[in-house]
C-alpha cells in the first residue's frame, strides 16, 4: 500500500464486546521526536483481547473510539528529529511511555512512572498499515531477528523479565497459564537454565504446546490436584518460583500454595477484580516473595531479550497463525482459541 497520508486501522468503535471495525483514517502530521512506521507485522496481545472483550478492567481504563494494537515490527519511512534512528531502520516498540521527570523515572523505574501513559492510549495503534510512533518508544530490531519475532519482542520481554526477575538457573519453576506469555516464559526459563519446568493450563492443546516449548510436565488443573502434583514432582518441596500469567483467581491461589517456603510468586497476569490471598498463612509465615511484573525494564529487558535471542532462546514455534489485516475478525477469533499460540496481523 502506497502512503498518501491515510491508513487503514482497526479500532475499538463502541464500549461493548467485539465492537471492532476496520476504518480509514488520516494520520497526524509528524512532530519532533516522532516517526512514521510502515507496519510489517503486528501481534495480537492478551491485553487487546481483554479490551475487545470489554471486560471490567477495559471499561474502567479506555474510552472508545480508539486504535487497537501495540506490538509490531515495521520500517521507519519518515522521521522528525529521530536521534539514533534513520529512515529504513527496522524497529519494534516499547509500550510504556515514561515522563522522565518523576521520582520513579529518576530512580530508573520508568516502567512504573507516576505519569505513565502507554502507546495504546495514544490512539495510534499497530493494527494498521502505518502508525505514528514516538521515537522514545522505538527499539531497533537486530539483523538476525526476523520481522515476525520482531513483532513480539515486547511481550517476549515480559516473559524474559518474569523468569529473570528472581532468577531461574538450577531452580524448579511453575508456569501458570500457557498462553503466549506463559509459553515464551517456558522457553526463557529453559534457556536460562531452569532445572525443572512444570506447566499448568486447562486446555489440552496448550499443555501439548507447553511440552513442545520445553516444559517437563504439563498439568490439567481441572483433572489433577496441582499442588499435590507439584510437590510430588519436586520431592515434596514445591517450586522455587511460580510465574503466574493467566490472571485467573484460582490459579493465583494454587500457584502460591505450590511455591516452596522462601520461594517467589511472580505475577504478570491481570485479574479483572480483587483477589483474596491468605497473607498470613501463605506469604508471611512461609516467607514467600510476591512480585508483580508490569512490562519491561525500559532498557535492560530489551538488552536481555536481544542477547537471549542471539544466544540460545528460540520462540519461533510460538507464532502459529498470520492473517491479513482485513481478516482481523478471524484473527481475533483465532487468538481467543486455545489451539493458537501467538497470532499476527500482516498489513
Protein backbone atom coordinates (compact mmCIF):
# COMPACT_ATOMS: atom_id res chain seq x y z
CA UNK A 1 0.00 0.00 0.00
CA UNK A 2 1.42 3.38 -1.00
CA UNK A 3 1.40 6.14 1.58
CA UNK A 4 -0.99 9.05 0.94
CA UNK A 5 -1.31 10.42 4.47
CA UNK A 6 -4.01 7.92 5.37
CA UNK A 7 -4.01 4.42 6.81
CA UNK A 8 -6.30 1.53 7.45
CA UNK A 9 -6.54 0.84 11.16
CA UNK A 10 -8.56 -1.49 13.37
CA UNK A 11 -10.39 0.46 16.07
CA UNK A 12 -12.48 -0.25 19.14
CA UNK A 13 -15.54 1.61 17.95
CA UNK A 14 -18.02 1.29 20.82
CA UNK A 15 -17.90 0.48 24.57
CA UNK A 16 -19.12 -3.09 24.31
CA UNK A 17 -17.68 -6.50 23.45
CA UNK A 18 -16.45 -7.12 19.90
CA UNK A 19 -17.27 -3.60 18.70
CA UNK A 20 -14.25 -3.56 16.40
CA UNK A 21 -14.05 -2.10 12.92
CA UNK A 22 -11.51 -1.53 10.17
CA UNK A 23 -11.60 2.11 9.12
CA UNK A 24 -9.61 4.54 7.01
CA UNK A 25 -8.05 7.41 8.98
CA UNK A 26 -5.91 10.44 8.32
CA UNK A 27 -2.57 10.13 10.08
CA UNK A 28 -1.44 13.02 12.28
CA UNK A 29 1.35 15.21 10.96
CA UNK A 30 4.73 14.16 12.31
CA UNK A 31 6.01 16.25 15.20
CA UNK A 32 9.54 16.46 16.53
CA UNK A 33 10.53 13.17 18.13
CA UNK A 34 8.07 11.08 16.11
CA UNK A 35 8.49 8.51 13.35
CA UNK A 36 6.15 7.20 10.69
CA UNK A 37 6.41 3.41 10.76
CA UNK A 38 5.19 1.14 7.98
CA UNK A 39 3.91 -1.90 9.86
CA UNK A 40 5.15 -5.27 8.62
CA UNK A 41 3.60 -7.44 11.33
CA UNK A 42 1.53 -6.70 14.43
CA UNK A 43 0.94 -9.11 17.31
CA UNK A 44 -2.42 -9.63 18.98
CA UNK A 45 -1.85 -9.34 22.72
CA UNK A 46 -3.86 -10.70 25.63
CA UNK A 47 -4.47 -7.08 26.61
CA UNK A 48 -6.00 -6.47 23.18
CA UNK A 49 -8.34 -9.41 23.79
CA UNK A 50 -9.33 -8.01 27.20
CA UNK A 51 -10.13 -4.70 25.52
CA UNK A 52 -12.02 -6.25 22.61
CA UNK A 53 -13.96 -8.42 25.07
CA UNK A 54 -14.66 -5.20 27.02
CA UNK A 55 -14.15 -6.69 30.48
CA UNK A 56 -14.36 -4.70 33.71
CA UNK A 57 -10.75 -3.57 33.50
CA UNK A 58 -11.15 -2.37 29.89
CA UNK A 59 -14.34 -0.49 30.71
CA UNK A 60 -12.53 1.31 33.57
CA UNK A 61 -9.45 2.08 31.51
CA UNK A 62 -10.48 3.08 27.99
CA UNK A 63 -12.99 5.29 26.20
CA UNK A 64 -13.82 4.36 22.56
CA UNK A 65 -13.28 5.05 19.79
CA UNK A 66 -9.53 4.36 19.72
CA UNK A 67 -7.00 2.48 17.62
CA UNK A 68 -6.01 -1.05 18.65
CA UNK A 69 -2.64 -2.78 18.76
CA UNK A 70 0.73 -2.05 20.33
CA UNK A 71 3.01 -4.94 19.31
CA UNK A 72 4.72 -4.51 15.96
CA UNK A 73 7.71 -4.76 13.69
CA UNK A 74 8.00 -2.21 10.95
CA UNK A 75 10.19 0.10 8.93
CA UNK A 76 10.72 3.79 9.55
CA UNK A 77 9.60 5.64 6.40
CA UNK A 78 9.64 9.20 7.75
CA UNK A 79 11.16 10.85 10.79
CA UNK A 80 11.36 14.12 12.72
CA UNK A 81 14.43 14.53 14.96
CA UNK A 82 14.93 10.80 15.30
CA UNK A 83 18.07 10.68 17.42
CA UNK A 84 19.82 7.36 16.73
CA UNK A 85 17.18 6.25 14.20
CA UNK A 86 17.25 6.62 10.43
CA UNK A 87 14.73 6.15 7.65
CA UNK A 88 14.85 2.48 6.65
CA UNK A 89 15.57 1.16 10.15
CA UNK A 90 13.63 -1.92 11.18
CA UNK A 91 12.02 -1.28 14.55
CA UNK A 92 9.85 -2.74 17.26
CA UNK A 93 8.35 -0.73 20.07
CA UNK A 94 8.15 -0.37 23.82
CA UNK A 95 4.62 0.20 25.13
CA UNK A 96 5.28 2.26 28.25
CA UNK A 97 5.84 5.97 27.68
CA UNK A 98 7.51 7.48 30.76
CA UNK A 99 7.66 11.17 31.67
CA UNK A 100 11.36 11.06 32.59
CA UNK A 101 10.92 13.53 35.45
CA UNK A 102 9.06 11.86 38.33
CA UNK A 103 10.57 10.06 41.32
CA UNK A 104 10.17 6.63 39.69
CA UNK A 105 11.83 7.77 36.47
CA UNK A 106 14.71 9.33 38.40
CA UNK A 107 15.17 6.00 40.17
CA UNK A 108 15.48 4.22 36.81
CA UNK A 109 11.97 2.76 37.03
CA UNK A 110 10.38 4.36 34.00
CA UNK A 111 8.13 1.32 33.53
CA UNK A 112 6.32 2.34 36.75
CA UNK A 113 6.40 6.08 36.01
CA UNK A 114 3.99 8.09 38.16
CA UNK A 115 2.73 9.80 34.99
CA UNK A 116 2.91 6.73 32.80
CA UNK A 117 0.96 6.52 29.60
CA UNK A 118 1.01 3.73 27.06
CA UNK A 119 1.14 3.54 23.30
CA UNK A 120 -2.34 2.04 23.27
CA UNK A 121 -3.69 5.23 24.87
CA UNK A 122 -2.26 7.48 22.16
CA UNK A 123 -4.94 6.40 19.66
CA UNK A 124 -2.26 5.46 17.10
CA UNK A 125 -2.41 1.65 17.04
CA UNK A 126 -0.33 -1.01 15.29
CA UNK A 127 -3.23 -2.92 13.72
CA UNK A 128 -2.67 -0.65 10.75
CA UNK A 129 -0.72 -0.09 7.55
CA UNK A 130 1.13 2.84 9.12
CA UNK A 131 1.44 4.27 12.60
CA UNK A 132 2.99 7.42 14.05
CA UNK A 133 5.18 6.36 16.99
CA UNK A 134 7.18 8.43 19.50
CA UNK A 135 10.86 7.82 18.81
CA UNK A 136 11.41 7.26 22.54
CA UNK A 137 9.39 4.04 22.25
CA UNK A 138 11.27 2.59 19.29
CA UNK A 139 13.85 -0.19 19.53
CA UNK A 140 15.98 -1.38 16.61
CA UNK A 141 15.41 -4.99 15.60
CA UNK A 142 18.73 -6.89 15.34
CA UNK A 143 19.57 -8.10 11.80
CA UNK A 144 19.39 -11.79 12.77
CA UNK A 145 15.89 -11.41 14.23
CA UNK A 146 13.02 -11.96 11.77
CA UNK A 147 10.19 -9.49 11.21
CA UNK A 148 7.80 -11.95 12.85
CA UNK A 149 9.86 -12.27 16.03
CA UNK A 150 10.48 -8.52 15.90
CA UNK A 151 6.72 -8.07 16.21
CA UNK A 152 6.63 -9.98 19.50
CA UNK A 153 9.74 -8.59 21.19
CA UNK A 154 7.57 -6.53 23.54
CA UNK A 155 5.60 -9.50 25.02
CA UNK A 156 8.67 -11.71 24.86
CA UNK A 157 10.37 -9.15 27.08
CA UNK A 158 7.68 -9.70 29.71
CA UNK A 159 8.36 -13.44 29.64
CA UNK A 160 12.11 -12.93 29.85
CA UNK A 161 11.76 -10.49 32.73
CA UNK A 162 9.43 -12.82 34.64
CA UNK A 163 11.99 -15.62 34.73
CA UNK A 164 14.99 -13.34 35.28
CA UNK A 165 13.39 -11.19 37.99
CA UNK A 166 14.00 -13.71 40.78
CA UNK A 167 16.48 -15.99 38.97
CA UNK A 168 15.87 -19.31 37.27
CA UNK A 169 19.17 -21.17 36.94
CA UNK A 170 19.02 -24.51 38.73
CA UNK A 171 15.51 -23.84 40.04
CA UNK A 172 12.19 -25.65 39.78
CA UNK A 173 9.73 -23.32 38.07
CA UNK A 174 5.96 -23.47 37.67
CA UNK A 175 4.43 -21.61 34.73
CA UNK A 176 0.75 -21.00 35.42
CA UNK A 177 -1.16 -20.28 32.21
CA UNK A 178 0.16 -21.35 28.82
CA UNK A 179 -0.99 -18.56 26.59
CA UNK A 180 1.75 -16.82 24.57
CA UNK A 181 3.36 -15.10 27.61
CA UNK A 182 3.45 -18.38 29.52
CA UNK A 183 4.75 -20.35 26.54
CA UNK A 184 7.54 -17.87 25.95
CA UNK A 185 8.31 -17.91 29.69
CA UNK A 186 8.78 -21.67 29.41
CA UNK A 187 11.27 -21.20 26.57
CA UNK A 188 13.04 -18.43 28.50
CA UNK A 189 13.23 -20.50 31.70
CA UNK A 190 14.73 -23.38 29.74
CA UNK A 191 17.20 -21.07 28.05
CA UNK A 192 18.23 -19.51 31.36
CA UNK A 193 18.97 -22.88 32.97
CA UNK A 194 15.90 -23.89 34.98
CA UNK A 195 16.22 -27.37 36.47
CA UNK A 196 12.59 -28.45 36.11
CA UNK A 197 9.68 -26.67 34.42
CA UNK A 198 6.09 -27.52 35.30
CA UNK A 199 3.29 -26.02 33.20
CA UNK A 200 -0.37 -25.70 34.21
CA UNK A 201 -3.25 -25.00 31.84
CA UNK A 202 -6.78 -26.41 31.48
CA UNK A 203 -6.56 -26.61 27.67
CA UNK A 204 -5.02 -29.81 26.32
CA UNK A 205 -3.70 -28.04 23.21
CA UNK A 206 -1.83 -25.55 25.36
CA UNK A 207 -0.41 -28.27 27.57
CA UNK A 208 0.91 -30.03 24.47
CA UNK A 209 2.34 -26.72 23.29
CA UNK A 210 3.99 -26.21 26.69
CA UNK A 211 5.81 -29.53 26.37
CA UNK A 212 6.93 -28.53 22.88
CA UNK A 213 8.33 -25.25 24.23
CA UNK A 214 10.39 -27.04 26.89
CA UNK A 215 8.21 -27.92 29.89
CA UNK A 216 8.98 -31.22 31.61
CA UNK A 217 5.46 -31.74 32.96
CA UNK A 218 2.10 -30.27 31.91
CA UNK A 219 -0.81 -30.46 34.37
CA UNK A 220 -4.55 -30.11 33.80
CA UNK A 221 -5.88 -28.17 36.84
CA UNK A 222 -9.41 -29.45 36.18
CA UNK A 223 -8.36 -33.09 36.44
CA UNK A 224 -5.42 -33.03 38.86
CA UNK A 225 -4.63 -31.60 42.28
CA UNK A 226 -1.96 -29.18 41.06
CA UNK A 227 -0.36 -28.59 44.45
CA UNK A 228 -0.06 -32.33 45.13
CA UNK A 229 1.32 -32.98 41.65
CA UNK A 230 3.89 -30.20 42.00
CA UNK A 231 5.04 -31.45 45.39
CA UNK A 232 5.29 -34.99 44.02
CA UNK A 233 7.47 -33.76 41.15
CA UNK A 234 9.73 -31.72 43.44
CA UNK A 235 10.40 -34.18 46.23
CA UNK A 236 7.70 -32.67 48.45
CA UNK A 237 9.18 -29.16 48.42
CA UNK A 238 7.15 -27.22 45.90
CA UNK A 239 8.65 -24.99 43.23
CA UNK A 240 11.21 -22.28 43.84
CA UNK A 241 9.40 -19.89 41.51
CA UNK A 242 5.85 -19.70 40.18
CA UNK A 243 5.26 -17.40 37.21
CA UNK A 244 1.52 -16.68 37.04
CA UNK A 245 0.46 -15.37 33.63
CA UNK A 246 -3.26 -16.15 33.45
CA UNK A 247 -4.70 -13.70 35.97
CA UNK A 248 -7.28 -16.32 36.95
CA UNK A 249 -8.21 -16.14 40.64
CA UNK A 250 -7.96 -19.92 41.32
CA UNK A 251 -4.62 -20.08 39.51
CA UNK A 252 -3.12 -17.40 41.76
CA UNK A 253 -4.13 -19.26 44.91
CA UNK A 254 -2.88 -22.59 43.54
CA UNK A 255 0.41 -21.08 42.40
CA UNK A 256 1.01 -19.59 45.84
CA UNK A 257 0.33 -22.90 47.59
CA UNK A 258 2.57 -24.77 45.13
CA UNK A 259 5.51 -22.45 45.89
CA UNK A 260 8.10 -23.64 48.39
CA UNK A 261 8.94 -21.78 51.61
CA UNK A 262 11.28 -18.94 50.73
CA UNK A 263 10.19 -19.09 47.10
CA UNK A 264 8.65 -16.44 44.89
CA UNK A 265 5.35 -15.91 43.11
CA UNK A 266 5.86 -13.66 40.09
CA UNK A 267 2.60 -12.21 38.80
CA UNK A 268 2.22 -10.95 35.25
CA UNK A 269 -1.45 -11.81 34.67
CA UNK A 270 -4.16 -9.19 35.05
CA UNK A 271 -7.02 -10.31 37.30
CA UNK A 272 -10.21 -8.42 36.37
CA UNK A 273 -11.08 -7.84 40.05
CA UNK A 274 -9.57 -8.08 43.56
CA UNK A 275 -8.14 -11.48 44.52
CA UNK A 276 -8.35 -12.84 48.10
CA UNK A 277 -4.96 -14.05 49.36
CA UNK A 278 -4.06 -15.68 52.68
CA UNK A 279 -1.32 -13.20 53.56
CA UNK A 280 -0.50 -14.69 56.97
CA UNK A 281 -0.51 -18.38 56.13
CA UNK A 282 0.82 -18.35 52.58
CA UNK A 283 3.16 -15.35 52.48
CA UNK A 284 4.32 -14.15 55.91
CA UNK A 285 4.75 -17.47 57.72
CA UNK A 286 6.34 -19.13 54.69
CA UNK A 287 8.39 -16.09 53.65
CA UNK A 288 7.18 -16.24 50.07
CA UNK A 289 8.01 -13.21 47.94
CA UNK A 290 5.12 -11.82 45.91
CA UNK A 291 6.47 -9.92 42.92
CA UNK A 292 4.49 -8.03 40.29
CA UNK A 293 5.87 -7.62 36.78
CA UNK A 294 4.44 -4.77 34.75
CA UNK A 295 6.04 -4.69 31.35
CA UNK A 296 9.76 -4.48 30.79
CA UNK A 297 12.63 -2.57 32.35
CA UNK A 298 12.77 0.09 29.67
CA UNK A 299 16.30 -0.63 28.52
CA UNK A 300 17.73 -3.63 30.35
CA UNK A 301 14.96 -6.09 29.49
CA UNK A 302 15.25 -5.26 25.80
CA UNK A 303 19.00 -5.86 26.02
CA UNK A 304 18.48 -9.14 27.89
CA UNK A 305 15.89 -10.32 25.37
CA UNK A 306 18.01 -9.50 22.33
CA UNK A 307 21.05 -11.21 23.84
CA UNK A 308 18.99 -14.31 24.62
CA UNK A 309 17.59 -14.46 21.07
CA UNK A 310 21.08 -14.17 19.63
CA UNK A 311 22.27 -16.91 22.00
CA UNK A 312 20.03 -19.90 22.75
CA UNK A 313 16.46 -18.61 23.05
CA UNK A 314 14.15 -19.79 20.24
CA UNK A 315 10.48 -18.85 20.29
CA UNK A 316 9.71 -19.30 16.58
CA UNK A 317 7.18 -22.04 17.34
CA UNK A 318 5.03 -19.76 19.48
CA UNK A 319 3.84 -17.93 16.33
CA UNK A 320 1.13 -20.21 14.95
CA UNK A 321 -1.06 -18.04 12.71
CA UNK A 322 -0.79 -14.98 10.48
CA UNK A 323 -3.76 -13.12 8.99
CA UNK A 324 -4.09 -10.24 6.54
CA UNK A 325 -5.13 -7.01 8.25
CA UNK A 326 -8.55 -7.10 6.59
CA UNK A 327 -9.13 -10.52 8.16
CA UNK A 328 -8.90 -9.04 11.65
CA UNK A 329 -12.18 -10.64 12.83
CA UNK A 330 -10.89 -14.12 12.01
CA UNK A 331 -7.55 -13.25 13.60
CA UNK A 332 -9.21 -12.20 16.86
CA UNK A 333 -11.30 -15.37 16.90
CA UNK A 334 -8.16 -17.43 16.33
CA UNK A 335 -6.23 -15.60 19.08
CA UNK A 336 -9.00 -16.45 21.55
CA UNK A 337 -8.80 -20.16 20.77
CA UNK A 338 -6.80 -22.48 22.99
CA UNK A 339 -5.18 -24.06 19.94
CA UNK A 340 -3.45 -20.81 18.95
CA UNK A 341 -0.12 -19.53 20.09
CA UNK A 342 0.83 -16.03 19.03
CA UNK A 343 -1.33 -14.62 16.24
CA UNK A 344 -0.01 -11.92 13.89
CA UNK A 345 -1.68 -9.44 11.55
CA UNK A 346 0.10 -8.58 8.30
CA UNK A 347 -0.99 -5.35 6.55
